[in-house]
Amino acid sequence: MSEDPDHQRMRDLEARIAKVKGGPKARTEAGKAFSGGEIGWRMVTELLSGMLIGLSIGYGLDWLFGTMPIFLVTFCLFGFAAGVKTMLGTAKMVQEQHEKGGDTPKKGN
């Protein structure tokens, strides 16, 4: 038995398979843009992360100085403000992308 496959038969088989599959398909833009749900979750995550960072910094400072509610409340409000500012930046980016003609921003931006 020969270990060397018949190369001509393999090329013919590959050609028939490619013909049935229809050849290489062109890449589409689908899946490259964020959906509305992904943008919404991104904005929620930005708000919560800002608040959690503010809470953790405030709690840490209160624990360090022994003044329990002062820094916790203050930095929680700062974290909320930072989260809202970040959310507004994302909303502005989505709005600009929509005005340019694309529905949603591309992933990786």
C-alpha atoms as a PDB file:
ATOM      1  CA  MET A   1       0.000   0.000   0.000  1.00  0.00           C
ATOM      2  CA  SER A   2       1.326   3.398  -0.938  1.00  0.00           C
ATOM      3  CA  GLU A   3       1.681   6.066   1.798  1.00  0.00           C
ATOM      4  CA  ASP A   4       1.676   8.887  -0.739  1.00  0.00           C
ATOM      5  CA  PRO A   5      -1.941  10.011  -1.479  1.00  0.00           C
ATOM      6  CA  ASP A   6      -3.001  10.674  -5.009  1.00  0.00           C
ATOM      7  CA  HIS A   7      -2.518  14.446  -5.234  1.00  0.00           C
ATOM      8  CA  GLN A   8      -4.683  14.887  -8.315  1.00  0.00           C
ATOM      9  CA  ARG A   9      -7.667  13.222  -6.644  1.00  0.00           C
ATOM     10  CA  MET A  10      -7.195  15.405  -3.552  1.00  0.00           C
ATOM     11  CA  ARG A  11      -7.121  18.579  -5.660  1.00  0.00           C
ATOM     12  CA  ASP A  12     -10.246  17.478  -7.524  1.00  0.00           C
ATOM     13  CA  LEU A  13     -11.999  16.772  -4.226  1.00  0.00           C
ATOM     14  CA  GLU A  14     -11.002  20.171  -2.817  1.00  0.00           C
ATOM     15  CA  ALA A  15     -12.253  21.875  -5.982  1.00  0.00           C
ATOM     16  CA  ARG A  16     -15.609  20.079  -5.748  1.00  0.00           C
ATOM     17  CA  ILE A  17     -15.961  20.986  -2.066  1.00  0.00           C
ATOM     18  CA  ALA A  18     -15.148  24.646  -2.799  1.00  0.00           C
ATOM     19  CA  LYS A  19     -17.705  24.641  -5.617  1.00  0.00           C
ATOM     20  CA  VAL A  20     -20.412  23.260  -3.335  1.00  0.00           C
ATOM     21  CA  LYS A  21     -19.577  25.726  -0.556  1.00  0.00           C
ATOM     22  CA  GLY A  22     -19.692  28.613  -2.988  1.00  0.00           C
ATOM     23  CA  GLY A  23     -16.138  29.788  -2.491  1.00  0.00           C
ATOM     24  CA  PRO A  24     -14.897  32.226   0.107  1.00  0.00           C
ATOM     25  CA  LYS A  25     -17.543  34.505   1.513  1.00  0.00           C
ATOM     26  CA  ALA A  26     -17.021  38.223   1.824  1.00  0.00           C
ATOM     27  CA  ARG A  27     -16.782  39.573   5.337  1.00  0.00           C
ATOM     28  CA  THR A  28     -19.695  41.667   6.433  1.00  0.00           C
ATOM     29  CA  GLU A  29     -19.892  44.509   8.912  1.00  0.00           C
ATOM     30  CA  ALA A  30     -22.333  42.543  11.062  1.00  0.00           C
ATOM     31  CA  GLY A  31     -21.010  41.796  14.513  1.00  0.00           C
ATOM     32  CA  LYS A  32     -18.471  44.611  14.464  1.00  0.00           C
ATOM     33  CA  ALA A  33     -20.737  47.238  16.029  1.00  0.00           C
ATOM     34  CA  PHE A  34     -22.074  47.342  19.556  1.00  0.00           C
ATOM     35  CA  SER A  35     -25.751  46.571  20.055  1.00  0.00           C
ATOM     36  CA  GLY A  36     -27.998  48.773  22.146  1.00  0.00           C
ATOM     37  CA  GLY A  37     -27.933  46.259  24.983  1.00  0.00           C
ATOM     38  CA  GLU A  38     -24.152  46.193  25.036  1.00  0.00           C
ATOM     39  CA  ILE A  39     -24.023  49.976  25.197  1.00  0.00           C
ATOM     40  CA  GLY A  40     -26.585  49.967  28.008  1.00  0.00           C
ATOM     41  CA  TRP A  41     -24.633  47.436  30.042  1.00  0.00           C
ATOM     42  CA  ARG A  42     -21.444  49.383  29.415  1.00  0.00           C
ATOM     43  CA  MET A  43     -23.060  52.518  30.814  1.00  0.00           C
ATOM     44  CA  VAL A  44     -24.416  50.679  33.864  1.00  0.00           C
ATOM     45  CA  THR A  45     -20.987  49.167  34.479  1.00  0.00           C
ATOM     46  CA  GLU A  46     -19.349  52.587  34.226  1.00  0.00           C
ATOM     47  CA  LEU A  47     -21.754  54.039  36.788  1.00  0.00           C
ATOM     48  CA  LEU A  48     -21.402  51.144  39.213  1.00  0.00           C
ATOM     49  CA  SER A  49     -17.632  51.025  38.936  1.00  0.00           C
ATOM     50  CA  GLY A  50     -17.400  54.745  39.697  1.00  0.00           C
ATOM     51  CA  MET A  51     -19.630  54.333  42.727  1.00  0.00           C
ATOM     52  CA  LEU A  52     -17.776  51.249  43.999  1.00  0.00           C
ATOM     53  CA  ILE A  53     -14.407  52.932  43.637  1.00  0.00           C
ATOM     54  CA  GLY A  54     -15.724  55.967  45.501  1.00  0.00           C
ATOM     55  CA  LEU A  55     -17.211  53.787  48.233  1.00  0.00           C
ATOM     56  CA  SER A  56     -14.013  51.821  48.688  1.00  0.00           C
ATOM     57  CA  ILE A  57     -11.831  54.945  48.852  1.00  0.00           C
ATOM     58  CA  GLY A  58     -14.244  56.590  51.310  1.00  0.00           C
ATOM     59  CA  TYR A  59     -14.450  53.496  53.516  1.00  0.00           C
ATOM     60  CA  GLY A  60     -10.682  53.137  53.480  1.00  0.00           C
ATOM     61  CA  LEU A  61     -10.155  56.744  54.518  1.00  0.00           C
ATOM     62  CA  ASP A  62     -12.842  56.473  57.225  1.00  0.00           C
ATOM     63  CA  TRP A  63     -11.249  53.307  58.561  1.00  0.00           C
ATOM     64  CA  LEU A  64      -7.812  54.946  58.514  1.00  0.00           C
ATOM     65  CA  PHE A  65      -8.899  58.153  60.283  1.00  0.00           C
ATOM     66  CA  GLY A  66     -11.719  56.678  62.412  1.00  0.00           C
ATOM     67  CA  THR A  67     -14.396  59.021  61.043  1.00  0.00           C
ATOM     68  CA  MET A  68     -16.860  56.451  59.747  1.00  0.00           C
ATOM     69  CA  PRO A  69     -19.594  58.197  57.709  1.00  0.00           C
ATOM     70  CA  ILE A  70     -17.852  61.396  56.552  1.00  0.00           C
ATOM     71  CA  PHE A  71     -15.504  60.187  53.793  1.00  0.00           C
ATOM     72  CA  LEU A  72     -17.764  57.276  52.864  1.00  0.00           C
ATOM     73  CA  VAL A  73     -20.653  59.563  51.927  1.00  0.00           C
ATOM     74  CA  THR A  74     -18.409  62.180  50.322  1.00  0.00           C
ATOM     75  CA  PHE A  75     -16.513  59.762  48.098  1.00  0.00           C
ATOM     76  CA  CYS A  76     -19.694  57.866  47.259  1.00  0.00           C
ATOM     77  CA  LEU A  77     -21.069  61.104  45.824  1.00  0.00           C
ATOM     78  CA  PHE A  78     -17.789  61.778  44.003  1.00  0.00           C
ATOM     79  CA  GLY A  79     -17.879  58.254  42.563  1.00  0.00           C
ATOM     80  CA  PHE A  80     -21.466  58.743  41.434  1.00  0.00           C
ATOM     81  CA  ALA A  81     -20.532  62.023  39.740  1.00  0.00           C
ATOM     82  CA  ALA A  82     -17.551  60.391  38.026  1.00  0.00           C
ATOM     83  CA  GLY A  83     -19.737  57.495  36.852  1.00  0.00           C
ATOM     84  CA  VAL A  84     -22.352  59.857  35.436  1.00  0.00           C
ATOM     85  CA  LYS A  85     -19.637  61.882  33.678  1.00  0.00           C
ATOM     86  CA  THR A  86     -18.241  58.709  32.115  1.00  0.00           C
ATOM     87  CA  MET A  87     -21.729  57.608  31.066  1.00  0.00           C
ATOM     88  CA  LEU A  88     -22.323  60.976  29.420  1.00  0.00           C
ATOM     89  CA  GLY A  89     -19.043  60.598  27.542  1.00  0.00           C
ATOM     90  CA  THR A  90     -20.166  57.222  26.241  1.00  0.00           C
ATOM     91  CA  ALA A  91     -23.550  58.631  25.255  1.00  0.00           C
ATOM     92  CA  LYS A  92     -21.814  61.474  23.407  1.00  0.00           C
ATOM     93  CA  MET A  93     -19.595  58.988  21.563  1.00  0.00           C
ATOM     94  CA  VAL A  94     -22.633  56.933  20.530  1.00  0.00           C
ATOM     95  CA  GLN A  95     -24.444  60.081  19.399  1.00  0.00           C
ATOM     96  CA  GLU A  96     -21.478  61.251  17.302  1.00  0.00           C
ATOM     97  CA  GLN A  97     -21.147  57.826  15.697  1.00  0.00           C
ATOM     98  CA  HIS A  98     -24.864  57.783  14.928  1.00  0.00           C
ATOM     99  CA  GLU A  99     -24.675  61.224  13.323  1.00  0.00           C
ATOM    100  CA  LYS A 100     -21.734  60.122  11.155  1.00  0.00           C
ATOM    101  CA  GLY A 101     -23.922  57.495   9.591  1.00  0.00           C
ATOM    102  CA  GLY A 102     -23.125  54.388  11.596  1.00  0.00           C
ATOM    103  CA  ASP A 103     -25.753  53.132  13.987  1.00  0.00           C
ATOM    104  CA  THR A 104     -23.420  52.249  16.840  1.00  0.00           C
ATOM    105  CA  PRO A 105     -19.713  52.625  17.565  1.00  0.00           C
ATOM    106  CA  LYS A 106     -17.342  49.927  16.408  1.00  0.00           C
ATOM    107  CA  LYS A 107     -15.929  47.485  18.937  1.00  0.00           C
ATOM    108  CA  GLY A 108     -12.487  48.399  20.113  1.00  0.00           C
ATOM    109  CA  ASN A 109     -13.104  52.169  20.111  1.00  0.00           C
END
